[in-house]
Amino acid sequence: MLASIELNVTNLFLFAGFAAFCVLIGYISRTSKSASLRKKVSELENEILASHAEILQLQREKIELLKTMSESSIPVISIAASKDEKNTEKLPDAAARKKLLGTQPVIKHQSGG
């Protein structure tokens, strides 16, 4: 047969107290976990803000360097212009070079055995 549990007022109060205690323990553990997560999120936000600030500072420095380079009186030869000049140079004819190399006698080494 089923075990019978006597229900009386004391047992009901003990059950209600145990349930309240379990709820309190769960609430405390959840609150501490959410606080630690909030702290982590705050640290990550601060890290992101610091990295964004660093990026902005580097961009400001780049703009300043570009301004000083454009205002300087030192002549600068652009890379694109030098590539165009390189293409316009007259290169020697490869066919004539091959013809000259082909006319030389070939020296063969004989083995002594």
C-alpha atoms as a PDB file:
ATOM      1  CA  MET A   1       0.000   0.000   0.000  1.00  0.00           C
ATOM      2  CA  LEU A   2       0.971   3.584  -0.414  1.00  0.00           C
ATOM      3  CA  ALA A   3       2.775   5.199   2.423  1.00  0.00           C
ATOM      4  CA  SER A   4       0.519   7.726   3.984  1.00  0.00           C
ATOM      5  CA  ILE A   5       1.853  11.084   5.098  1.00  0.00           C
ATOM      6  CA  GLU A   6      -0.009  12.773   7.805  1.00  0.00           C
ATOM      7  CA  LEU A   7      -0.996  16.271   6.766  1.00  0.00           C
ATOM      8  CA  ASN A   8      -1.223  18.678   9.588  1.00  0.00           C
ATOM      9  CA  VAL A   9      -0.509  22.363  10.087  1.00  0.00           C
ATOM     10  CA  THR A  10       3.108  21.809  11.162  1.00  0.00           C
ATOM     11  CA  ASN A  11       3.928  19.824   8.029  1.00  0.00           C
ATOM     12  CA  LEU A  12       2.341  22.499   5.823  1.00  0.00           C
ATOM     13  CA  PHE A  13       4.373  25.250   7.512  1.00  0.00           C
ATOM     14  CA  LEU A  14       7.565  23.214   7.168  1.00  0.00           C
ATOM     15  CA  PHE A  15       6.853  22.607   3.475  1.00  0.00           C
ATOM     16  CA  ALA A  16       6.098  26.311   2.889  1.00  0.00           C
ATOM     17  CA  GLY A  17       9.270  27.295   4.764  1.00  0.00           C
ATOM     18  CA  PHE A  18      11.370  24.833   2.762  1.00  0.00           C
ATOM     19  CA  ALA A  19       9.880  26.138  -0.501  1.00  0.00           C
ATOM     20  CA  ALA A  20      10.572  29.747   0.538  1.00  0.00           C
ATOM     21  CA  PHE A  21      14.157  28.812   1.473  1.00  0.00           C
ATOM     22  CA  CYS A  22      14.705  27.172  -1.939  1.00  0.00           C
ATOM     23  CA  VAL A  23      13.274  30.223  -3.714  1.00  0.00           C
ATOM     24  CA  LEU A  24      15.580  32.496  -1.701  1.00  0.00           C
ATOM     25  CA  ILE A  25      18.658  30.390  -2.518  1.00  0.00           C
ATOM     26  CA  GLY A  26      17.732  30.382  -6.227  1.00  0.00           C
ATOM     27  CA  TYR A  27      17.178  34.138  -6.228  1.00  0.00           C
ATOM     28  CA  ILE A  28      20.542  34.791  -4.548  1.00  0.00           C
ATOM     29  CA  SER A  29      22.438  32.530  -6.959  1.00  0.00           C
ATOM     30  CA  ARG A  30      20.726  34.064  -9.980  1.00  0.00           C
ATOM     31  CA  THR A  31      21.372  37.595  -8.745  1.00  0.00           C
ATOM     32  CA  SER A  32      25.067  36.886  -8.232  1.00  0.00           C
ATOM     33  CA  LYS A  33      25.360  35.307 -11.681  1.00  0.00           C
ATOM     34  CA  SER A  34      23.602  38.222 -13.378  1.00  0.00           C
ATOM     35  CA  ALA A  35      25.829  40.681 -11.482  1.00  0.00           C
ATOM     36  CA  SER A  36      28.965  38.903 -12.690  1.00  0.00           C
ATOM     37  CA  LEU A  37      27.612  38.909 -16.251  1.00  0.00           C
ATOM     38  CA  ARG A  38      26.829  42.632 -16.028  1.00  0.00           C
ATOM     39  CA  LYS A  39      30.380  43.240 -14.808  1.00  0.00           C
ATOM     40  CA  LYS A  40      31.778  41.255 -17.754  1.00  0.00           C
ATOM     41  CA  VAL A  41      29.612  43.179 -20.225  1.00  0.00           C
ATOM     42  CA  SER A  42      30.764  46.457 -18.697  1.00  0.00           C
ATOM     43  CA  GLU A  43      34.431  45.442 -19.030  1.00  0.00           C
ATOM     44  CA  LEU A  44      33.912  44.449 -22.670  1.00  0.00           C
ATOM     45  CA  GLU A  45      32.135  47.730 -23.418  1.00  0.00           C
ATOM     46  CA  ASN A  46      35.021  49.670 -21.886  1.00  0.00           C
ATOM     47  CA  GLU A  47      37.502  47.650 -23.942  1.00  0.00           C
ATOM     48  CA  ILE A  48      35.556  48.353 -27.139  1.00  0.00           C
ATOM     49  CA  LEU A  49      35.357  52.064 -26.326  1.00  0.00           C
ATOM     50  CA  ALA A  50      39.105  52.161 -25.702  1.00  0.00           C
ATOM     51  CA  SER A  51      39.847  50.431 -29.006  1.00  0.00           C
ATOM     52  CA  HIS A  52      37.513  52.777 -30.889  1.00  0.00           C
ATOM     53  CA  ALA A  53      39.191  55.761 -29.254  1.00  0.00           C
ATOM     54  CA  GLU A  54      42.581  54.407 -30.332  1.00  0.00           C
ATOM     55  CA  ILE A  55      41.345  53.961 -33.904  1.00  0.00           C
ATOM     56  CA  LEU A  56      40.033  57.525 -33.970  1.00  0.00           C
ATOM     57  CA  GLN A  57      43.343  58.836 -32.627  1.00  0.00           C
ATOM     58  CA  LEU A  58      45.262  56.936 -35.326  1.00  0.00           C
ATOM     59  CA  GLN A  59      42.955  58.356 -37.990  1.00  0.00           C
ATOM     60  CA  ARG A  60      43.583  61.875 -36.676  1.00  0.00           C
ATOM     61  CA  GLU A  61      47.337  61.269 -36.838  1.00  0.00           C
ATOM     62  CA  LYS A  62      47.005  59.956 -40.387  1.00  0.00           C
ATOM     63  CA  ILE A  63      45.079  63.063 -41.448  1.00  0.00           C
ATOM     64  CA  GLU A  64      47.725  65.291 -39.868  1.00  0.00           C
ATOM     65  CA  LEU A  65      50.485  63.406 -41.695  1.00  0.00           C
ATOM     66  CA  LEU A  66      48.630  63.682 -44.984  1.00  0.00           C
ATOM     67  CA  LYS A  67      48.210  67.430 -44.451  1.00  0.00           C
ATOM     68  CA  THR A  68      51.899  67.894 -43.712  1.00  0.00           C
ATOM     69  CA  MET A  69      52.857  65.783 -46.733  1.00  0.00           C
ATOM     70  CA  SER A  70      50.623  67.816 -49.037  1.00  0.00           C
ATOM     71  CA  GLU A  71      51.976  71.102 -47.650  1.00  0.00           C
ATOM     72  CA  SER A  72      55.645  70.117 -47.745  1.00  0.00           C
ATOM     73  CA  SER A  73      57.934  71.546 -50.406  1.00  0.00           C
ATOM     74  CA  ILE A  74      59.840  68.287 -50.883  1.00  0.00           C
ATOM     75  CA  PRO A  75      59.129  66.863 -54.341  1.00  0.00           C
ATOM     76  CA  VAL A  76      57.608  63.420 -54.208  1.00  0.00           C
ATOM     77  CA  ILE A  77      57.542  61.081 -57.177  1.00  0.00           C
ATOM     78  CA  SER A  78      54.423  58.976 -57.172  1.00  0.00           C
ATOM     79  CA  ILE A  79      54.704  55.254 -57.703  1.00  0.00           C
ATOM     80  CA  ALA A  80      52.075  55.267 -60.444  1.00  0.00           C
ATOM     81  CA  ALA A  81      54.118  57.749 -62.492  1.00  0.00           C
ATOM     82  CA  SER A  82      57.279  55.675 -62.216  1.00  0.00           C
ATOM     83  CA  LYS A  83      55.412  52.572 -63.421  1.00  0.00           C
ATOM     84  CA  ASP A  84      54.220  54.466 -66.493  1.00  0.00           C
ATOM     85  CA  GLU A  85      57.767  55.584 -67.245  1.00  0.00           C
ATOM     86  CA  LYS A  86      59.029  52.034 -66.895  1.00  0.00           C
ATOM     87  CA  ASN A  87      56.546  50.805 -69.494  1.00  0.00           C
ATOM     88  CA  THR A  88      57.644  53.449 -72.008  1.00  0.00           C
ATOM     89  CA  GLU A  89      61.324  52.400 -71.839  1.00  0.00           C
ATOM     90  CA  LYS A  90      62.618  50.549 -74.883  1.00  0.00           C
ATOM     91  CA  LEU A  91      63.570  47.005 -73.906  1.00  0.00           C
ATOM     92  CA  PRO A  92      66.076  45.034 -76.029  1.00  0.00           C
ATOM     93  CA  ASP A  93      64.645  42.572 -78.500  1.00  0.00           C
ATOM     94  CA  ALA A  94      64.610  39.063 -77.011  1.00  0.00           C
ATOM     95  CA  ALA A  95      64.679  37.382 -80.448  1.00  0.00           C
ATOM     96  CA  ALA A  96      67.958  39.069 -81.356  1.00  0.00           C
ATOM     97  CA  ARG A  97      69.483  37.996 -78.058  1.00  0.00           C
ATOM     98  CA  LYS A  98      68.448  34.376 -78.633  1.00  0.00           C
ATOM     99  CA  LYS A  99      69.926  34.506 -82.131  1.00  0.00           C
ATOM    100  CA  LEU A 100      73.245  35.724 -80.738  1.00  0.00           C
ATOM    101  CA  LEU A 101      73.332  33.065 -78.040  1.00  0.00           C
ATOM    102  CA  GLY A 102      72.449  30.331 -80.493  1.00  0.00           C
ATOM    103  CA  THR A 103      75.455  31.075 -82.737  1.00  0.00           C
ATOM    104  CA  GLN A 104      78.083  30.380 -80.086  1.00  0.00           C
ATOM    105  CA  PRO A 105      79.706  26.933 -80.166  1.00  0.00           C
ATOM    106  CA  VAL A 106      78.651  24.507 -77.501  1.00  0.00           C
ATOM    107  CA  ILE A 107      81.518  22.972 -75.534  1.00  0.00           C
ATOM    108  CA  LYS A 108      80.956  19.357 -74.555  1.00  0.00           C
ATOM    109  CA  HIS A 109      82.828  17.798 -71.706  1.00  0.00           C
ATOM    110  CA  GLN A 110      83.989  14.245 -72.263  1.00  0.00           C
ATOM    111  CA  SER A 111      84.268  11.870 -69.391  1.00  0.00           C
ATOM    112  CA  GLY A 112      87.647  10.192 -68.892  1.00  0.00           C
ATOM    113  CA  GLY A 113      86.274   6.644 -68.647  1.00  0.00           C
END
